[in-house]
Amino acid sequence: MEEAAGNTNNSPPILSQDDEIYLDEPYGGLFGDTAIAKVVEELVADPTMDYRPKYLADITGKSEASIYLILKKLMKLGLIEKSVEGKHPVYRVRVESKKFAALSFLAYAMLDDRDGTGCMDMAVADYYNSRLREEYEPKAIATSDGWKTGQGIITDDDSEERRRRHTLISVIV
């Protein structure tokens, strides 16, 4: 996979035979080729879809009974929610779940490492801009006068550690 990660041109990456076997496995084989990994990959790939157990059984090749157990576990973990439409249950991804965000980032990271793309960086930037900026940026701006940068390091001028280092340097000089 090292060749693929370093791919900077527009040609598709050249994968070794060892790496090719993981292309069809959820998350590149990171979690194995399990039914739950296949279901999670499907949910993350299309989080806007309404999922029925029969559909998930068909795409994974597993029994509906095993799919119901997986869905029950994913509901307990807060990744999905269940509603009933007609006679059959429908499952939806809880897109506000941080687990969903983390799994999405992981899916993008697998793609980036394999193909040398920047999908995860774009997803992280979008997540920050849509979910975190409003909360954290005002705090950063409000406290920016107390911070200085130097050689890539950000320090708090009022920190006790900085005062001790400054005092020690002053004594030595």
Protein backbone atom coordinates (compact mmCIF):
# COMPACT_ATOMS: atom_id res chain seq x y z
CA MET A 1 0.00 0.00 0.00
CA GLU A 2 2.97 2.33 0.30
CA GLU A 3 3.00 2.82 -3.48
CA ALA A 4 -0.65 3.80 -3.46
CA ALA A 5 -0.26 6.27 -0.61
CA GLY A 6 2.53 8.08 -2.45
CA ASN A 7 0.65 8.30 -5.74
CA THR A 8 0.67 11.96 -6.77
CA ASN A 9 -0.27 11.74 -10.43
CA ASN A 10 -3.75 11.15 -11.81
CA SER A 11 -3.22 7.52 -12.75
CA PRO A 12 -4.84 4.82 -10.62
CA PRO A 13 -2.56 3.40 -7.95
CA ILE A 14 -0.80 0.12 -8.57
CA LEU A 15 -1.76 -2.27 -5.80
CA SER A 16 0.11 -5.40 -4.88
CA GLN A 17 -1.76 -8.70 -4.95
CA ASP A 18 -1.71 -8.65 -1.15
CA ASP A 19 -3.49 -5.28 -1.13
CA GLU A 20 -5.98 -6.13 -3.89
CA ILE A 21 -7.68 -8.76 -1.76
CA TYR A 22 -8.84 -6.01 0.62
CA LEU A 23 -10.54 -3.85 -2.02
CA ASP A 24 -13.86 -5.65 -1.67
CA GLU A 25 -13.77 -5.88 2.12
CA PRO A 26 -15.37 -3.23 4.32
CA TYR A 27 -12.89 -0.59 5.42
CA GLY A 28 -10.17 -2.31 3.41
CA GLY A 29 -10.26 -5.37 5.64
CA LEU A 30 -9.44 -3.42 8.80
CA PHE A 31 -12.33 -5.08 10.67
CA GLY A 32 -12.25 -8.31 8.72
CA ASP A 33 -14.92 -9.49 6.34
CA THR A 34 -17.67 -9.75 8.95
CA ALA A 35 -21.39 -9.19 8.55
CA ILE A 36 -21.39 -6.26 10.97
CA ALA A 37 -18.52 -4.60 9.07
CA LYS A 38 -20.46 -4.99 5.81
CA VAL A 39 -23.61 -3.52 7.36
CA VAL A 40 -21.71 -0.58 8.87
CA GLU A 41 -19.96 0.08 5.56
CA GLU A 42 -23.32 0.14 3.78
CA LEU A 43 -24.85 2.47 6.38
CA VAL A 44 -21.92 4.90 6.21
CA ALA A 45 -21.84 4.79 2.40
CA ASP A 46 -25.46 5.99 2.18
CA PRO A 47 -26.62 7.47 5.48
CA THR A 48 -29.75 9.03 3.97
CA MET A 49 -31.31 5.72 2.96
CA ASP A 50 -34.03 3.90 4.89
CA TYR A 51 -32.74 0.38 5.53
CA ARG A 52 -34.84 -2.75 5.88
CA PRO A 53 -33.40 -5.98 7.27
CA LYS A 54 -34.26 -7.89 4.07
CA TYR A 55 -32.19 -5.47 1.98
CA LEU A 56 -29.21 -5.75 4.33
CA ALA A 57 -29.52 -9.55 4.34
CA ASP A 58 -29.48 -9.56 0.54
CA ILE A 59 -26.38 -7.39 0.19
CA THR A 60 -24.41 -9.16 2.93
CA GLY A 61 -25.52 -12.70 2.12
CA LYS A 62 -26.40 -13.23 5.79
CA SER A 63 -29.68 -14.41 7.27
CA GLU A 64 -32.28 -11.88 8.39
CA ALA A 65 -31.95 -13.28 11.92
CA SER A 66 -28.25 -12.36 12.03
CA ILE A 67 -29.03 -8.95 10.50
CA TYR A 68 -31.60 -8.27 13.24
CA LEU A 69 -28.92 -9.01 15.87
CA ILE A 70 -26.51 -6.63 14.16
CA LEU A 71 -29.15 -3.90 13.91
CA LYS A 72 -30.01 -4.36 17.58
CA LYS A 73 -26.34 -3.90 18.50
CA LEU A 74 -26.00 -0.82 16.27
CA MET A 75 -29.12 0.69 17.87
CA LYS A 76 -27.69 0.05 21.33
CA LEU A 77 -24.50 1.82 20.23
CA GLY A 78 -26.53 4.80 19.00
CA LEU A 79 -25.44 4.55 15.37
CA ILE A 80 -28.95 3.88 14.01
CA GLU A 81 -32.56 4.35 15.05
CA LYS A 82 -35.61 2.26 14.31
CA SER A 83 -39.07 3.28 13.19
CA VAL A 84 -41.97 1.25 11.89
CA GLU A 85 -43.52 2.05 8.53
CA GLY A 86 -46.35 -0.30 7.75
CA LYS A 87 -45.66 -3.78 9.03
CA HIS A 88 -41.89 -3.70 8.70
CA PRO A 89 -39.21 -1.90 10.70
CA VAL A 90 -37.07 0.71 8.99
CA TYR A 91 -33.62 1.68 10.23
CA ARG A 92 -31.97 5.05 9.68
CA VAL A 93 -28.47 6.26 10.41
CA ARG A 94 -28.24 8.83 13.19
CA VAL A 95 -26.09 11.25 11.19
CA GLU A 96 -25.67 13.48 14.25
CA SER A 97 -23.85 10.63 16.02
CA LYS A 98 -20.14 11.17 16.53
CA LYS A 99 -19.68 7.47 15.81
CA PHE A 100 -21.08 8.08 12.35
CA ALA A 101 -18.67 11.00 11.84
CA ALA A 102 -15.71 8.90 13.00
CA LEU A 103 -16.66 5.97 10.74
CA SER A 104 -17.04 8.37 7.81
CA PHE A 105 -13.60 9.83 8.48
CA LEU A 106 -12.18 6.30 8.65
CA ALA A 107 -13.78 5.40 5.31
CA TYR A 108 -12.23 8.53 3.76
CA ALA A 109 -8.86 7.75 5.39
CA MET A 110 -8.85 4.27 3.86
CA LEU A 111 -9.55 5.81 0.45
CA ASP A 112 -6.89 8.49 0.93
CA ASP A 113 -4.23 5.99 1.97
CA ARG A 114 -5.05 3.72 -0.94
CA ASP A 115 -5.51 6.31 -3.68
CA GLY A 116 -3.58 9.32 -2.40
CA THR A 117 -6.68 11.55 -2.37
CA GLY A 118 -7.54 14.29 0.12
CA CYS A 119 -11.09 13.22 0.93
CA MET A 120 -10.59 12.97 4.68
CA ASP A 121 -9.05 16.43 4.93
CA MET A 122 -12.04 17.90 3.11
CA ALA A 123 -14.46 15.96 5.33
CA VAL A 124 -12.70 17.09 8.52
CA ALA A 125 -12.71 20.72 7.31
CA ASP A 126 -16.40 20.48 6.46
CA TYR A 127 -17.15 18.91 9.87
CA TYR A 128 -15.25 21.69 11.63
CA ASN A 129 -16.95 24.43 9.61
CA SER A 130 -20.45 23.01 10.02
CA ARG A 131 -20.30 21.69 13.59
CA LEU A 132 -17.40 23.12 15.59
CA ARG A 133 -16.39 26.55 14.28
CA GLU A 134 -19.29 28.40 15.87
CA GLU A 135 -18.44 26.97 19.29
CA TYR A 136 -14.63 27.13 19.26
CA GLU A 137 -13.64 30.07 17.07
CA PRO A 138 -15.07 32.79 19.36
CA LYS A 139 -13.08 31.32 22.27
CA ALA A 140 -9.90 31.29 20.20
CA ILE A 141 -10.41 34.89 19.08
CA ALA A 142 -11.28 36.06 22.60
CA THR A 143 -8.09 34.60 24.04
CA SER A 144 -5.79 35.30 21.06
CA ASP A 145 -4.13 38.34 22.69
CA GLY A 146 -2.63 36.08 25.34
CA TRP A 147 -1.02 33.74 22.81
CA LYS A 148 2.18 34.08 20.84
CA THR A 149 3.63 31.84 18.19
CA GLY A 150 7.23 31.02 17.62
CA GLN A 151 8.79 28.41 15.34
CA GLY A 152 5.50 26.56 14.94
CA ILE A 153 4.80 26.39 18.68
CA ILE A 154 1.86 28.15 20.25
CA THR A 155 2.34 29.19 23.86
CA ASP A 156 0.18 30.91 26.43
CA ASP A 157 2.02 34.00 27.72
CA ASP A 158 0.40 33.59 31.12
CA SER A 159 1.30 29.96 31.61
CA GLU A 160 3.24 29.05 34.74
CA GLU A 161 5.61 26.81 32.74
CA ARG A 162 6.52 29.69 30.40
CA ARG A 163 7.22 32.03 33.33
CA ARG A 164 9.49 29.42 34.92
CA ARG A 165 11.40 28.88 31.66
CA HIS A 166 11.70 32.65 31.13
CA THR A 167 12.99 33.12 34.68
CA LEU A 168 15.49 30.28 34.24
CA ILE A 169 16.72 31.73 30.94
CA SER A 170 17.03 35.22 32.50
CA VAL A 171 19.13 33.84 35.37
CA ILE A 172 21.45 31.96 33.01
CA VAL A 173 21.95 34.97 30.72
